[in-house]
């Protein structure tokens, strides 16, 4: 990740190939299928969410994230 404002670069290594990435302010959500990593733009892990089902999409708003499945939505605090 590279911040445009000050050109600083931070790295985060995901264990699998991402299915999708969503951002909101300083939070980045990486959808890895049945797992989602929420990381800060400084490269630190905020929260790791693991599910038994395949995650279709992610929505982030403030300190809450919505994990969207095929037939339901789960809300989690970050």
N, C-alpha and C. Protein backbone atom coordinates (compact mmCIF):
# COMPACT_ATOMS: atom_id res chain seq x y z
N UNK A 1 0.85 -1.17 0.00
CA UNK A 1 0.00 0.00 0.00
C UNK A 1 0.89 1.23 0.00
N UNK A 2 0.52 2.17 -0.79
CA UNK A 2 1.31 3.40 -0.86
C UNK A 2 0.39 4.59 -0.63
N UNK A 3 0.72 5.40 0.38
CA UNK A 3 -0.05 6.60 0.65
C UNK A 3 0.35 7.68 -0.33
N UNK A 4 -0.62 8.28 -0.96
CA UNK A 4 -0.36 9.31 -1.95
C UNK A 4 0.10 10.59 -1.27
N UNK A 5 -0.42 10.88 -0.08
CA UNK A 5 -0.11 12.13 0.59
C UNK A 5 1.36 12.30 0.97
N UNK A 6 2.00 11.18 1.42
CA UNK A 6 3.40 11.30 1.83
C UNK A 6 4.31 10.25 1.19
N UNK A 7 3.82 9.49 0.26
CA UNK A 7 4.56 8.46 -0.48
C UNK A 7 5.17 7.37 0.39
N UNK A 8 4.62 7.16 1.60
CA UNK A 8 5.10 6.05 2.43
C UNK A 8 4.50 4.74 1.93
N UNK A 9 5.26 3.68 2.05
CA UNK A 9 4.85 2.37 1.57
C UNK A 9 4.77 1.40 2.73
N UNK A 10 3.67 0.63 2.81
CA UNK A 10 3.48 -0.40 3.84
C UNK A 10 3.08 -1.70 3.15
N UNK A 11 3.47 -2.82 3.76
CA UNK A 11 3.20 -4.13 3.17
C UNK A 11 2.34 -4.97 4.10
N UNK A 12 1.48 -5.80 3.50
CA UNK A 12 0.70 -6.80 4.22
C UNK A 12 0.66 -8.04 3.34
N UNK A 13 1.07 -9.19 3.88
CA UNK A 13 1.07 -10.43 3.11
C UNK A 13 -0.17 -11.25 3.44
N UNK A 14 -1.02 -11.48 2.46
CA UNK A 14 -2.19 -12.33 2.62
C UNK A 14 -1.76 -13.77 2.33
N UNK A 15 -2.40 -14.71 3.03
CA UNK A 15 -2.03 -16.12 2.90
C UNK A 15 -2.59 -16.76 1.64
N UNK A 16 -3.62 -16.18 1.06
CA UNK A 16 -4.26 -16.72 -0.14
C UNK A 16 -4.45 -15.61 -1.16
N UNK A 17 -4.87 -15.99 -2.36
CA UNK A 17 -5.17 -15.02 -3.41
C UNK A 17 -6.51 -14.36 -3.10
N UNK A 18 -6.57 -13.02 -3.05
CA UNK A 18 -7.82 -12.33 -2.72
C UNK A 18 -8.88 -12.50 -3.80
N UNK A 19 -10.14 -12.63 -3.35
CA UNK A 19 -11.28 -12.66 -4.27
C UNK A 19 -11.81 -11.25 -4.49
N UNK A 20 -11.51 -10.35 -3.56
CA UNK A 20 -11.97 -8.97 -3.68
C UNK A 20 -11.39 -8.11 -2.59
N UNK A 21 -11.36 -6.80 -2.85
CA UNK A 21 -10.83 -5.84 -1.89
C UNK A 21 -11.80 -4.66 -1.82
N UNK A 22 -12.11 -4.22 -0.60
CA UNK A 22 -12.96 -3.05 -0.37
C UNK A 22 -12.23 -2.13 0.58
N UNK A 23 -12.44 -0.82 0.44
CA UNK A 23 -11.81 0.15 1.32
C UNK A 23 -12.82 1.14 1.85
N UNK A 24 -12.53 1.67 3.03
CA UNK A 24 -13.32 2.74 3.62
C UNK A 24 -12.39 3.50 4.56
N UNK A 25 -12.16 4.77 4.28
CA UNK A 25 -11.22 5.60 5.04
C UNK A 25 -9.87 4.89 5.14
N UNK A 26 -9.44 4.52 6.35
CA UNK A 26 -8.15 3.88 6.55
C UNK A 26 -8.25 2.37 6.71
N UNK A 27 -9.41 1.78 6.41
CA UNK A 27 -9.61 0.34 6.57
C UNK A 27 -9.68 -0.32 5.20
N UNK A 28 -8.96 -1.41 5.05
CA UNK A 28 -8.98 -2.20 3.82
C UNK A 28 -9.45 -3.60 4.19
N UNK A 29 -10.48 -4.10 3.49
CA UNK A 29 -10.98 -5.45 3.71
C UNK A 29 -10.56 -6.32 2.53
N UNK A 30 -9.90 -7.42 2.83
CA UNK A 30 -9.45 -8.35 1.80
C UNK A 30 -10.28 -9.62 1.93
N UNK A 31 -11.12 -9.90 0.92
CA UNK A 31 -11.95 -11.10 0.90
C UNK A 31 -11.12 -12.25 0.37
N UNK A 32 -10.93 -13.27 1.20
CA UNK A 32 -10.13 -14.44 0.82
C UNK A 32 -11.00 -15.69 0.63
N UNK A 33 -12.28 -15.52 0.45
CA UNK A 33 -13.18 -16.66 0.25
C UNK A 33 -14.00 -16.93 1.48
N UNK A 34 -13.46 -17.71 2.43
CA UNK A 34 -14.14 -17.98 3.70
C UNK A 34 -13.50 -17.19 4.84
N UNK A 35 -12.59 -16.31 4.50
CA UNK A 35 -11.90 -15.50 5.50
C UNK A 35 -11.77 -14.07 4.98
N UNK A 36 -11.84 -13.11 5.88
CA UNK A 36 -11.64 -11.71 5.53
C UNK A 36 -10.66 -11.09 6.50
N UNK A 37 -9.65 -10.40 5.96
CA UNK A 37 -8.69 -9.68 6.77
C UNK A 37 -9.00 -8.19 6.67
N UNK A 38 -9.19 -7.55 7.81
CA UNK A 38 -9.39 -6.11 7.86
C UNK A 38 -8.08 -5.51 8.33
N UNK A 39 -7.47 -4.71 7.48
CA UNK A 39 -6.17 -4.13 7.82
C UNK A 39 -6.23 -2.61 7.73
N UNK A 40 -5.38 -1.97 8.49
CA UNK A 40 -5.25 -0.51 8.46
C UNK A 40 -4.29 -0.17 7.33
N UNK A 41 -4.37 1.04 6.82
CA UNK A 41 -3.48 1.43 5.73
C UNK A 41 -2.02 1.46 6.14
N UNK A 42 -1.73 1.38 7.45
CA UNK A 42 -0.35 1.31 7.89
C UNK A 42 0.19 -0.12 7.84
N UNK A 43 -0.64 -1.09 7.44
CA UNK A 43 -0.22 -2.48 7.30
C UNK A 43 -0.53 -3.37 8.48
N UNK A 44 -1.09 -2.83 9.55
CA UNK A 44 -1.41 -3.63 10.74
C UNK A 44 -2.79 -4.28 10.61
N UNK A 45 -2.88 -5.52 11.06
CA UNK A 45 -4.14 -6.26 11.04
C UNK A 45 -5.08 -5.71 12.12
N UNK A 46 -6.29 -5.32 11.72
CA UNK A 46 -7.30 -4.85 12.66
C UNK A 46 -8.09 -6.03 13.19
N UNK A 47 -8.57 -6.87 12.27
CA UNK A 47 -9.38 -8.03 12.65
C UNK A 47 -9.33 -9.06 11.54
N UNK A 48 -9.34 -10.32 11.93
CA UNK A 48 -9.43 -11.43 10.99
C UNK A 48 -10.76 -12.13 11.25
N UNK A 49 -11.60 -12.22 10.23
CA UNK A 49 -12.92 -12.84 10.36
C UNK A 49 -12.93 -14.13 9.55
N UNK A 50 -13.29 -15.22 10.19
CA UNK A 50 -13.35 -16.52 9.52
C UNK A 50 -14.78 -17.03 9.53
N UNK A 51 -15.21 -17.58 8.40
CA UNK A 51 -16.56 -18.09 8.24
C UNK A 51 -16.52 -19.53 7.74
N UNK A 52 -17.59 -20.25 7.96
CA UNK A 52 -17.69 -21.60 7.43
C UNK A 52 -18.28 -21.59 6.01
N UNK A 53 -18.81 -20.43 5.61
CA UNK A 53 -19.43 -20.29 4.29
C UNK A 53 -18.60 -19.37 3.41
N UNK A 54 -18.84 -19.44 2.12
CA UNK A 54 -18.15 -18.59 1.16
C UNK A 54 -18.72 -17.17 1.22
N UNK A 55 -17.83 -16.19 1.39
CA UNK A 55 -18.24 -14.79 1.48
C UNK A 55 -18.38 -14.22 0.07
N UNK A 56 -19.55 -13.65 -0.22
CA UNK A 56 -19.83 -13.10 -1.54
C UNK A 56 -19.27 -11.69 -1.69
N UNK A 57 -19.46 -10.84 -0.66
CA UNK A 57 -19.02 -9.44 -0.74
C UNK A 57 -18.88 -8.89 0.66
N UNK A 58 -18.29 -7.70 0.76
CA UNK A 58 -18.07 -7.03 2.04
C UNK A 58 -18.46 -5.56 1.89
N UNK A 59 -19.08 -5.01 2.94
CA UNK A 59 -19.42 -3.59 2.98
C UNK A 59 -18.85 -3.05 4.29
N UNK A 60 -18.15 -1.91 4.22
CA UNK A 60 -17.56 -1.30 5.41
C UNK A 60 -18.14 0.10 5.59
N UNK A 61 -18.48 0.43 6.85
CA UNK A 61 -18.99 1.77 7.16
C UNK A 61 -18.57 2.10 8.60
N UNK A 62 -17.61 2.98 8.75
CA UNK A 62 -17.14 3.33 10.09
C UNK A 62 -16.47 2.16 10.77
N UNK A 63 -16.96 1.79 11.95
CA UNK A 63 -16.39 0.68 12.70
C UNK A 63 -17.21 -0.60 12.59
N UNK A 64 -18.07 -0.66 11.58
CA UNK A 64 -18.92 -1.84 11.35
C UNK A 64 -18.70 -2.34 9.92
N UNK A 65 -18.69 -3.66 9.78
CA UNK A 65 -18.57 -4.26 8.45
C UNK A 65 -19.72 -5.24 8.25
N UNK A 66 -20.22 -5.29 7.03
CA UNK A 66 -21.25 -6.25 6.67
C UNK A 66 -20.64 -7.34 5.81
N UNK A 67 -20.78 -8.58 6.26
CA UNK A 67 -20.30 -9.74 5.51
C UNK A 67 -21.50 -10.28 4.75
N UNK A 68 -21.45 -10.22 3.44
CA UNK A 68 -22.59 -10.59 2.61
C UNK A 68 -22.38 -12.00 2.07
N UNK A 69 -23.36 -12.85 2.36
CA UNK A 69 -23.39 -14.22 1.83
C UNK A 69 -24.44 -14.29 0.74
N UNK A 70 -24.64 -15.45 0.18
CA UNK A 70 -25.64 -15.62 -0.88
C UNK A 70 -27.05 -15.33 -0.37
N UNK A 71 -27.34 -15.69 0.89
CA UNK A 71 -28.70 -15.58 1.39
C UNK A 71 -28.84 -14.80 2.71
N UNK A 72 -27.75 -14.20 3.22
CA UNK A 72 -27.87 -13.42 4.45
C UNK A 72 -26.69 -12.46 4.59
N UNK A 73 -26.83 -11.55 5.55
CA UNK A 73 -25.79 -10.57 5.85
C UNK A 73 -25.48 -10.63 7.35
N UNK A 74 -24.20 -10.66 7.69
CA UNK A 74 -23.77 -10.61 9.10
C UNK A 74 -23.07 -9.29 9.33
N UNK A 75 -23.35 -8.64 10.45
CA UNK A 75 -22.69 -7.40 10.83
C UNK A 75 -21.68 -7.71 11.92
N UNK A 76 -20.47 -7.17 11.77
CA UNK A 76 -19.44 -7.38 12.78
C UNK A 76 -18.81 -6.03 13.13
N UNK A 77 -18.36 -5.91 14.38
CA UNK A 77 -17.63 -4.72 14.82
C UNK A 77 -16.17 -4.87 14.48
N UNK A 78 -15.56 -3.77 14.08
CA UNK A 78 -14.14 -3.82 13.76
C UNK A 78 -13.33 -3.35 14.92
